[in-house]
């Protein structure tokens, strides 16, 4: 069974930094794109950014220059470094990944979600 386990959320003052981690675990054959979404109260879930296996990234406009994605393919882990945080960044952040489970053939990717990590930025 494949799981995405997030860590690193919390409370920070505006202008501060946080780093989120998300590790894929279980019986995994291959991990493709990994990324983060967020959902603020009363709003729809939105893309923060994605990173390919090769390290190519794309970001939502509202985080460009402030947030940085990276990944460790050996550990099947993706990181989101968040700097210059603003109160409007307050949301639950969800990890997302396209994974081929062990026992299935490439490129039969399944999409998985983490449980969510609360990020709260105070003004």
C-alpha atoms as a PDB file:
ATOM      1  CA  UNK A   1       0.000   0.000   0.000  1.00  0.00           C
ATOM      2  CA  UNK A   2       1.370   3.397  -1.018  1.00  0.00           C
ATOM      3  CA  UNK A   3       1.187   6.385   1.313  1.00  0.00           C
ATOM      4  CA  UNK A   4       2.308   9.997   1.245  1.00  0.00           C
ATOM      5  CA  UNK A   5       3.318  11.269   4.667  1.00  0.00           C
ATOM      6  CA  UNK A   6       3.754  15.004   5.162  1.00  0.00           C
ATOM      7  CA  UNK A   7       5.598  16.870   7.893  1.00  0.00           C
ATOM      8  CA  UNK A   8       6.796  20.367   8.688  1.00  0.00           C
ATOM      9  CA  UNK A   9       3.671  22.478   8.933  1.00  0.00           C
ATOM     10  CA  UNK A  10       3.068  24.934  11.737  1.00  0.00           C
ATOM     11  CA  UNK A  11       2.579  28.526  12.807  1.00  0.00           C
ATOM     12  CA  UNK A  12       4.914  31.276  11.633  1.00  0.00           C
ATOM     13  CA  UNK A  13       4.882  35.063  11.545  1.00  0.00           C
ATOM     14  CA  UNK A  14       4.588  36.949   8.281  1.00  0.00           C
ATOM     15  CA  UNK A  15       7.940  37.129   6.559  1.00  0.00           C
ATOM     16  CA  UNK A  16       9.085  33.886   8.103  1.00  0.00           C
ATOM     17  CA  UNK A  17       9.909  30.507   6.583  1.00  0.00           C
ATOM     18  CA  UNK A  18       8.737  26.920   6.796  1.00  0.00           C
ATOM     19  CA  UNK A  19       9.815  23.744   5.065  1.00  0.00           C
ATOM     20  CA  UNK A  20       7.363  20.979   4.224  1.00  0.00           C
ATOM     21  CA  UNK A  21       8.418  17.413   3.488  1.00  0.00           C
ATOM     22  CA  UNK A  22       6.475  14.592   1.894  1.00  0.00           C
ATOM     23  CA  UNK A  23       7.749  11.041   1.741  1.00  0.00           C
ATOM     24  CA  UNK A  24       6.211   8.334  -0.398  1.00  0.00           C
ATOM     25  CA  UNK A  25       6.316   4.938   1.246  1.00  0.00           C
ATOM     26  CA  UNK A  26       5.072   1.440   0.636  1.00  0.00           C
ATOM     27  CA  UNK A  27       5.485  -0.912  -2.283  1.00  0.00           C
ATOM     28  CA  UNK A  28       6.616   1.501  -4.981  1.00  0.00           C
ATOM     29  CA  UNK A  29       7.959   0.738  -8.436  1.00  0.00           C
ATOM     30  CA  UNK A  30       8.369   4.283  -9.760  1.00  0.00           C
ATOM     31  CA  UNK A  31       7.583   7.868  -8.743  1.00  0.00           C
ATOM     32  CA  UNK A  32       6.971  10.481 -11.427  1.00  0.00           C
ATOM     33  CA  UNK A  33       5.745  14.025 -10.807  1.00  0.00           C
ATOM     34  CA  UNK A  34       5.470  15.170  -7.197  1.00  0.00           C
ATOM     35  CA  UNK A  35       3.999  18.404  -5.981  1.00  0.00           C
ATOM     36  CA  UNK A  36       1.971  20.434  -3.550  1.00  0.00           C
ATOM     37  CA  UNK A  37      -1.528  21.864  -3.537  1.00  0.00           C
ATOM     38  CA  UNK A  38      -3.183  24.007  -0.899  1.00  0.00           C
ATOM     39  CA  UNK A  39      -6.681  24.724   0.297  1.00  0.00           C
ATOM     40  CA  UNK A  40      -7.655  27.725   2.367  1.00  0.00           C
ATOM     41  CA  UNK A  41     -10.916  27.819   4.340  1.00  0.00           C
ATOM     42  CA  UNK A  42     -13.857  28.378   2.027  1.00  0.00           C
ATOM     43  CA  UNK A  43     -11.723  28.118  -1.102  1.00  0.00           C
ATOM     44  CA  UNK A  44     -11.002  25.451  -3.676  1.00  0.00           C
ATOM     45  CA  UNK A  45      -7.833  23.415  -3.652  1.00  0.00           C
ATOM     46  CA  UNK A  46      -5.185  25.030  -5.861  1.00  0.00           C
ATOM     47  CA  UNK A  47      -1.821  24.050  -7.263  1.00  0.00           C
ATOM     48  CA  UNK A  48       1.267  25.440  -5.539  1.00  0.00           C
ATOM     49  CA  UNK A  49       3.879  23.727  -7.712  1.00  0.00           C
ATOM     50  CA  UNK A  50       5.138  20.503  -9.241  1.00  0.00           C
ATOM     51  CA  UNK A  51       8.512  18.902  -9.833  1.00  0.00           C
ATOM     52  CA  UNK A  52       9.328  16.165 -12.315  1.00  0.00           C
ATOM     53  CA  UNK A  53      11.586  13.196 -11.657  1.00  0.00           C
ATOM     54  CA  UNK A  54      14.349  15.063 -13.497  1.00  0.00           C
ATOM     55  CA  UNK A  55      13.934  18.175 -11.361  1.00  0.00           C
ATOM     56  CA  UNK A  56      11.997  20.463 -13.691  1.00  0.00           C
ATOM     57  CA  UNK A  57       9.703  22.694 -11.678  1.00  0.00           C
ATOM     58  CA  UNK A  58       6.687  24.840 -12.297  1.00  0.00           C
ATOM     59  CA  UNK A  59       5.014  27.143  -9.799  1.00  0.00           C
ATOM     60  CA  UNK A  60       1.816  29.055  -9.384  1.00  0.00           C
ATOM     61  CA  UNK A  61       2.369  32.755 -10.009  1.00  0.00           C
ATOM     62  CA  UNK A  62       1.524  33.683  -6.431  1.00  0.00           C
ATOM     63  CA  UNK A  63       4.497  31.714  -5.025  1.00  0.00           C
ATOM     64  CA  UNK A  64       7.146  32.356  -7.661  1.00  0.00           C
ATOM     65  CA  UNK A  65      10.299  33.747  -6.120  1.00  0.00           C
ATOM     66  CA  UNK A  66       9.198  32.778  -2.600  1.00  0.00           C
ATOM     67  CA  UNK A  67       8.684  28.998  -2.654  1.00  0.00           C
ATOM     68  CA  UNK A  68      11.155  26.373  -3.882  1.00  0.00           C
ATOM     69  CA  UNK A  69      10.544  22.735  -4.703  1.00  0.00           C
ATOM     70  CA  UNK A  70      13.188  20.033  -4.504  1.00  0.00           C
ATOM     71  CA  UNK A  71      13.192  16.263  -4.302  1.00  0.00           C
ATOM     72  CA  UNK A  72      15.305  13.298  -3.313  1.00  0.00           C
ATOM     73  CA  UNK A  73      14.581  10.458  -5.714  1.00  0.00           C
ATOM     74  CA  UNK A  74      16.389   7.899  -3.565  1.00  0.00           C
ATOM     75  CA  UNK A  75      14.147   8.713  -0.614  1.00  0.00           C
ATOM     76  CA  UNK A  76      11.032   9.326  -2.768  1.00  0.00           C
ATOM     77  CA  UNK A  77      10.657  12.610  -0.937  1.00  0.00           C
ATOM     78  CA  UNK A  78       9.621  16.068  -2.096  1.00  0.00           C
ATOM     79  CA  UNK A  79      10.322  19.284  -0.194  1.00  0.00           C
ATOM     80  CA  UNK A  80       8.670  22.685  -0.297  1.00  0.00           C
ATOM     81  CA  UNK A  81      10.759  25.530   1.088  1.00  0.00           C
ATOM     82  CA  UNK A  82       8.496  28.474   1.796  1.00  0.00           C
ATOM     83  CA  UNK A  83      10.088  31.874   2.392  1.00  0.00           C
ATOM     84  CA  UNK A  84       8.652  35.370   2.814  1.00  0.00           C
ATOM     85  CA  UNK A  85       5.381  33.853   3.971  1.00  0.00           C
ATOM     86  CA  UNK A  86       2.256  35.996   3.910  1.00  0.00           C
ATOM     87  CA  UNK A  87      -1.002  35.638   5.862  1.00  0.00           C
ATOM     88  CA  UNK A  88      -2.722  34.719   2.592  1.00  0.00           C
ATOM     89  CA  UNK A  89      -0.486  31.629   2.408  1.00  0.00           C
ATOM     90  CA  UNK A  90      -2.431  30.199   5.344  1.00  0.00           C
ATOM     91  CA  UNK A  91      -3.948  26.907   4.205  1.00  0.00           C
ATOM     92  CA  UNK A  92      -3.778  23.151   4.459  1.00  0.00           C
ATOM     93  CA  UNK A  93      -0.998  21.995   2.153  1.00  0.00           C
ATOM     94  CA  UNK A  94      -1.427  18.644   0.429  1.00  0.00           C
ATOM     95  CA  UNK A  95       1.297  16.564  -1.137  1.00  0.00           C
ATOM     96  CA  UNK A  96       0.465  14.898  -4.445  1.00  0.00           C
ATOM     97  CA  UNK A  97       2.367  12.324  -6.486  1.00  0.00           C
ATOM     98  CA  UNK A  98       2.034  10.087  -9.522  1.00  0.00           C
ATOM     99  CA  UNK A  99       3.286   6.647  -8.550  1.00  0.00           C
ATOM    100  CA  UNK A 100       3.483   3.248 -10.171  1.00  0.00           C
ATOM    101  CA  UNK A 101       2.866   0.766  -7.359  1.00  0.00           C
ATOM    102  CA  UNK A 102       4.972  -2.351  -7.143  1.00  0.00           C
ATOM    103  CA  UNK A 103       3.402  -5.093  -9.177  1.00  0.00           C
ATOM    104  CA  UNK A 104       2.099  -2.786 -11.897  1.00  0.00           C
ATOM    105  CA  UNK A 105       3.728  -1.841 -15.162  1.00  0.00           C
ATOM    106  CA  UNK A 106       5.298   1.476 -16.085  1.00  0.00           C
ATOM    107  CA  UNK A 107       3.743   3.925 -16.976  1.00  0.00           C
ATOM    108  CA  UNK A 108       0.576   2.879 -15.162  1.00  0.00           C
ATOM    109  CA  UNK A 109       0.704   5.797 -12.702  1.00  0.00           C
ATOM    110  CA  UNK A 110      -1.787   6.212  -9.883  1.00  0.00           C
ATOM    111  CA  UNK A 111      -2.342   9.587  -8.272  1.00  0.00           C
ATOM    112  CA  UNK A 112      -1.962   9.816  -4.502  1.00  0.00           C
ATOM    113  CA  UNK A 113      -2.626  12.497  -1.901  1.00  0.00           C
ATOM    114  CA  UNK A 114      -1.134  13.118   1.511  1.00  0.00           C
ATOM    115  CA  UNK A 115      -3.223  13.779   4.587  1.00  0.00           C
ATOM    116  CA  UNK A 116      -2.495  17.518   4.633  1.00  0.00           C
ATOM    117  CA  UNK A 117      -0.289  19.802   6.705  1.00  0.00           C
ATOM    118  CA  UNK A 118      -1.619  22.990   8.277  1.00  0.00           C
ATOM    119  CA  UNK A 119       0.377  26.146   7.592  1.00  0.00           C
ATOM    120  CA  UNK A 120      -0.709  29.251   9.473  1.00  0.00           C
ATOM    121  CA  UNK A 121       0.913  32.635   8.878  1.00  0.00           C
ATOM    122  CA  UNK A 122       0.128  35.348  11.410  1.00  0.00           C
ATOM    123  CA  UNK A 123       0.266  39.044  10.584  1.00  0.00           C
END
